[in-house]
Amino acid sequence: MLNTRRFLVICEEVLAIYHSDASWQSKFDSIFSSEITTALAETGIEFEWVETDSTYQADVTAYVEALTRKANELKKLGSKA
């Protein structure tokens, strides 16, 4: 449960970056920083996303959408417990 909470907190941090006024390159650099990616990996919670290899905006959006789907899934599971 602790890992789930940590994952959800990190997800909120990522969403704050995503919704910020920063440039897409800055959002990309922040969201894919070693600090965030390591913290997510340390939760042990995996999620799949497809890297578009297109633009910063497309990659960030694809990643955030996948992260959000996983967070919503975890919230639903938690509410049933």
N, C-alpha and C. Protein backbone atom coordinates (compact mmCIF):
# COMPACT_ATOMS: atom_id res chain seq x y z
N MET A 1 0.82 -1.19 0.00
CA MET A 1 0.00 0.00 0.00
C MET A 1 0.87 1.26 0.00
N LEU A 2 2.00 1.20 0.70
CA LEU A 2 2.91 2.34 0.77
C LEU A 2 3.45 2.67 -0.63
N ASN A 3 3.79 1.64 -1.40
CA ASN A 3 4.28 1.87 -2.76
C ASN A 3 3.20 2.49 -3.64
N THR A 4 1.97 2.06 -3.43
CA THR A 4 0.86 2.64 -4.20
C THR A 4 0.72 4.12 -3.88
N ARG A 5 0.77 4.46 -2.62
CA ARG A 5 0.67 5.87 -2.23
C ARG A 5 1.80 6.69 -2.84
N ARG A 6 3.00 6.15 -2.77
CA ARG A 6 4.16 6.86 -3.33
C ARG A 6 3.99 7.04 -4.84
N PHE A 7 3.53 6.00 -5.53
CA PHE A 7 3.29 6.08 -6.96
C PHE A 7 2.28 7.19 -7.27
N LEU A 8 1.20 7.25 -6.51
CA LEU A 8 0.17 8.26 -6.73
C LEU A 8 0.68 9.67 -6.46
N VAL A 9 1.54 9.83 -5.46
CA VAL A 9 2.14 11.13 -5.18
C VAL A 9 3.03 11.57 -6.33
N ILE A 10 3.82 10.65 -6.84
CA ILE A 10 4.69 10.96 -7.97
C ILE A 10 3.84 11.30 -9.20
N CYS A 11 2.77 10.58 -9.38
CA CYS A 11 1.86 10.85 -10.50
C CYS A 11 1.32 12.28 -10.40
N GLU A 12 0.96 12.71 -9.22
CA GLU A 12 0.48 14.09 -9.03
C GLU A 12 1.57 15.10 -9.37
N GLU A 13 2.80 14.78 -9.01
CA GLU A 13 3.93 15.67 -9.34
C GLU A 13 4.10 15.76 -10.85
N VAL A 14 4.00 14.62 -11.52
CA VAL A 14 4.13 14.59 -12.98
C VAL A 14 3.00 15.38 -13.62
N LEU A 15 1.79 15.22 -13.12
CA LEU A 15 0.65 15.96 -13.67
C LEU A 15 0.82 17.48 -13.48
N ALA A 16 1.39 17.88 -12.36
CA ALA A 16 1.64 19.30 -12.14
C ALA A 16 2.63 19.84 -13.18
N ILE A 17 3.64 19.07 -13.48
CA ILE A 17 4.60 19.47 -14.52
C ILE A 17 3.90 19.52 -15.86
N TYR A 18 3.12 18.50 -16.16
CA TYR A 18 2.41 18.41 -17.43
C TYR A 18 1.49 19.61 -17.66
N HIS A 19 0.81 20.03 -16.62
CA HIS A 19 -0.15 21.13 -16.75
C HIS A 19 0.48 22.51 -16.55
N SER A 20 1.78 22.55 -16.32
CA SER A 20 2.46 23.82 -16.12
C SER A 20 2.60 24.59 -17.44
N ASP A 21 3.05 25.81 -17.33
CA ASP A 21 3.28 26.65 -18.50
C ASP A 21 4.66 26.47 -19.11
N ALA A 22 5.41 25.52 -18.61
CA ALA A 22 6.77 25.27 -19.12
C ALA A 22 6.72 24.81 -20.57
N SER A 23 7.83 24.94 -21.26
CA SER A 23 7.91 24.46 -22.65
C SER A 23 7.84 22.93 -22.64
N TRP A 24 7.48 22.38 -23.77
CA TRP A 24 7.39 20.91 -23.87
C TRP A 24 8.75 20.27 -23.64
N GLN A 25 9.82 20.90 -24.06
CA GLN A 25 11.15 20.35 -23.81
C GLN A 25 11.45 20.34 -22.31
N SER A 26 11.09 21.42 -21.62
CA SER A 26 11.30 21.46 -20.17
C SER A 26 10.45 20.41 -19.46
N LYS A 27 9.20 20.25 -19.90
CA LYS A 27 8.34 19.22 -19.32
C LYS A 27 8.96 17.84 -19.54
N PHE A 28 9.45 17.59 -20.76
CA PHE A 28 10.08 16.33 -21.10
C PHE A 28 11.28 16.08 -20.18
N ASP A 29 12.15 17.09 -20.08
CA ASP A 29 13.36 16.95 -19.25
C ASP A 29 13.01 16.70 -17.79
N SER A 30 11.99 17.36 -17.29
CA SER A 30 11.59 17.18 -15.89
C SER A 30 10.95 15.83 -15.64
N ILE A 31 10.00 15.46 -16.49
CA ILE A 31 9.27 14.21 -16.31
C ILE A 31 10.17 13.00 -16.51
N PHE A 32 11.11 13.09 -17.44
CA PHE A 32 12.01 11.97 -17.69
C PHE A 32 13.33 12.12 -16.95
N SER A 33 13.36 12.98 -15.93
CA SER A 33 14.57 13.14 -15.13
C SER A 33 14.84 11.86 -14.34
N SER A 34 16.09 11.69 -13.96
CA SER A 34 16.43 10.49 -13.19
C SER A 34 15.72 10.49 -11.84
N GLU A 35 15.46 11.66 -11.28
CA GLU A 35 14.77 11.74 -10.00
C GLU A 35 13.38 11.12 -10.08
N ILE A 36 12.61 11.50 -11.10
CA ILE A 36 11.25 10.98 -11.23
C ILE A 36 11.25 9.54 -11.71
N THR A 37 12.03 9.22 -12.71
CA THR A 37 12.01 7.85 -13.24
C THR A 37 12.52 6.85 -12.20
N THR A 38 13.53 7.24 -11.42
CA THR A 38 14.03 6.35 -10.36
C THR A 38 12.99 6.17 -9.27
N ALA A 39 12.34 7.27 -8.88
CA ALA A 39 11.32 7.17 -7.83
C ALA A 39 10.18 6.27 -8.27
N LEU A 40 9.75 6.40 -9.53
CA LEU A 40 8.69 5.51 -10.03
C LEU A 40 9.15 4.06 -10.05
N ALA A 41 10.36 3.84 -10.51
CA ALA A 41 10.89 2.46 -10.57
C ALA A 41 10.98 1.85 -9.17
N GLU A 42 11.34 2.65 -8.19
CA GLU A 42 11.48 2.15 -6.82
C GLU A 42 10.15 1.73 -6.21
N THR A 43 9.04 2.19 -6.75
CA THR A 43 7.74 1.74 -6.24
C THR A 43 7.46 0.30 -6.64
N GLY A 44 8.12 -0.16 -7.71
CA GLY A 44 7.88 -1.51 -8.20
C GLY A 44 6.60 -1.64 -9.00
N ILE A 45 5.92 -0.54 -9.23
CA ILE A 45 4.67 -0.55 -9.99
C ILE A 45 5.00 -0.25 -11.44
N GLU A 46 4.65 -1.18 -12.30
CA GLU A 46 4.97 -1.02 -13.72
C GLU A 46 3.76 -0.56 -14.50
N PHE A 47 4.04 0.17 -15.56
CA PHE A 47 3.00 0.57 -16.50
C PHE A 47 3.65 0.64 -17.88
N GLU A 48 2.84 0.42 -18.89
CA GLU A 48 3.36 0.41 -20.25
C GLU A 48 2.94 1.68 -20.98
N TRP A 49 3.86 2.19 -21.77
CA TRP A 49 3.57 3.32 -22.63
C TRP A 49 4.40 3.18 -23.88
N VAL A 50 3.96 3.81 -24.95
CA VAL A 50 4.65 3.71 -26.23
C VAL A 50 5.30 5.06 -26.53
N GLU A 51 6.62 5.03 -26.63
CA GLU A 51 7.36 6.24 -26.98
C GLU A 51 7.12 6.54 -28.46
N THR A 52 6.71 7.75 -28.75
CA THR A 52 6.35 8.10 -30.12
C THR A 52 7.55 8.43 -30.99
N ASP A 53 8.66 8.82 -30.37
CA ASP A 53 9.84 9.28 -31.12
C ASP A 53 9.46 10.38 -32.09
N SER A 54 8.53 11.20 -31.68
CA SER A 54 8.00 12.24 -32.56
C SER A 54 8.42 13.61 -32.04
N THR A 55 7.68 14.11 -31.06
CA THR A 55 7.97 15.43 -30.49
C THR A 55 8.00 15.31 -28.98
N TYR A 56 8.55 16.33 -28.33
CA TYR A 56 8.52 16.35 -26.87
C TYR A 56 7.08 16.26 -26.38
N GLN A 57 6.19 17.02 -27.00
CA GLN A 57 4.79 17.04 -26.59
C GLN A 57 4.15 15.66 -26.73
N ALA A 58 4.39 14.99 -27.85
CA ALA A 58 3.78 13.67 -28.08
C ALA A 58 4.30 12.64 -27.07
N ASP A 59 5.61 12.67 -26.81
CA ASP A 59 6.18 11.71 -25.86
C ASP A 59 5.67 11.97 -24.45
N VAL A 60 5.68 13.24 -24.04
CA VAL A 60 5.20 13.58 -22.69
C VAL A 60 3.73 13.21 -22.53
N THR A 61 2.93 13.53 -23.53
CA THR A 61 1.51 13.23 -23.47
C THR A 61 1.25 11.73 -23.39
N ALA A 62 1.93 10.95 -24.20
CA ALA A 62 1.76 9.50 -24.18
C ALA A 62 2.15 8.92 -22.82
N TYR A 63 3.24 9.42 -22.26
CA TYR A 63 3.72 8.94 -20.97
C TYR A 63 2.73 9.30 -19.85
N VAL A 64 2.30 10.55 -19.84
CA VAL A 64 1.38 11.02 -18.79
C VAL A 64 0.04 10.29 -18.90
N GLU A 65 -0.44 10.05 -20.09
CA GLU A 65 -1.70 9.31 -20.25
C GLU A 65 -1.57 7.90 -19.70
N ALA A 66 -0.46 7.23 -19.98
CA ALA A 66 -0.26 5.87 -19.47
C ALA A 66 -0.11 5.87 -17.95
N LEU A 67 0.62 6.84 -17.44
CA LEU A 67 0.80 6.96 -15.99
C LEU A 67 -0.53 7.22 -15.31
N THR A 68 -1.33 8.08 -15.89
CA THR A 68 -2.64 8.39 -15.34
C THR A 68 -3.58 7.19 -15.37
N ARG A 69 -3.54 6.43 -16.46
CA ARG A 69 -4.36 5.20 -16.52
C ARG A 69 -3.99 4.26 -15.39
N LYS A 70 -2.69 4.08 -15.16
CA LYS A 70 -2.24 3.18 -14.10
C LYS A 70 -2.66 3.72 -12.74
N ALA A 71 -2.53 5.01 -12.52
CA ALA A 71 -2.93 5.62 -11.25
C ALA A 71 -4.42 5.42 -11.01
N ASN A 72 -5.22 5.63 -12.03
CA ASN A 72 -6.67 5.43 -11.89
C ASN A 72 -7.01 3.98 -11.58
N GLU A 73 -6.30 3.07 -12.21
CA GLU A 73 -6.48 1.64 -11.94
C GLU A 73 -6.16 1.33 -10.48
N LEU A 74 -5.07 1.87 -9.99
CA LEU A 74 -4.68 1.64 -8.60
C LEU A 74 -5.69 2.26 -7.63
N LYS A 75 -6.21 3.41 -7.96
CA LYS A 75 -7.23 4.06 -7.11
C LYS A 75 -8.48 3.20 -7.04
N LYS A 76 -8.89 2.65 -8.19
CA LYS A 76 -10.08 1.78 -8.20
C LYS A 76 -9.86 0.54 -7.36
N LEU A 77 -8.69 -0.06 -7.47
CA LEU A 77 -8.38 -1.24 -6.67
C LEU A 77 -8.37 -0.91 -5.18
N GLY A 78 -7.84 0.26 -4.85
CA GLY A 78 -7.78 0.69 -3.46
C GLY A 78 -9.15 0.96 -2.88
N SER A 79 -10.06 1.44 -3.69
CA SER A 79 -11.40 1.74 -3.19
C SER A 79 -12.22 0.48 -2.97
N LYS A 80 -11.79 -0.62 -3.57
CA LYS A 80 -12.50 -1.91 -3.40
C LYS A 80 -11.96 -2.68 -2.20
N ALA A 81 -10.83 -2.22 -1.67
CA ALA A 81 -10.21 -2.95 -0.55
C ALA A 81 -10.85 -2.60 0.77
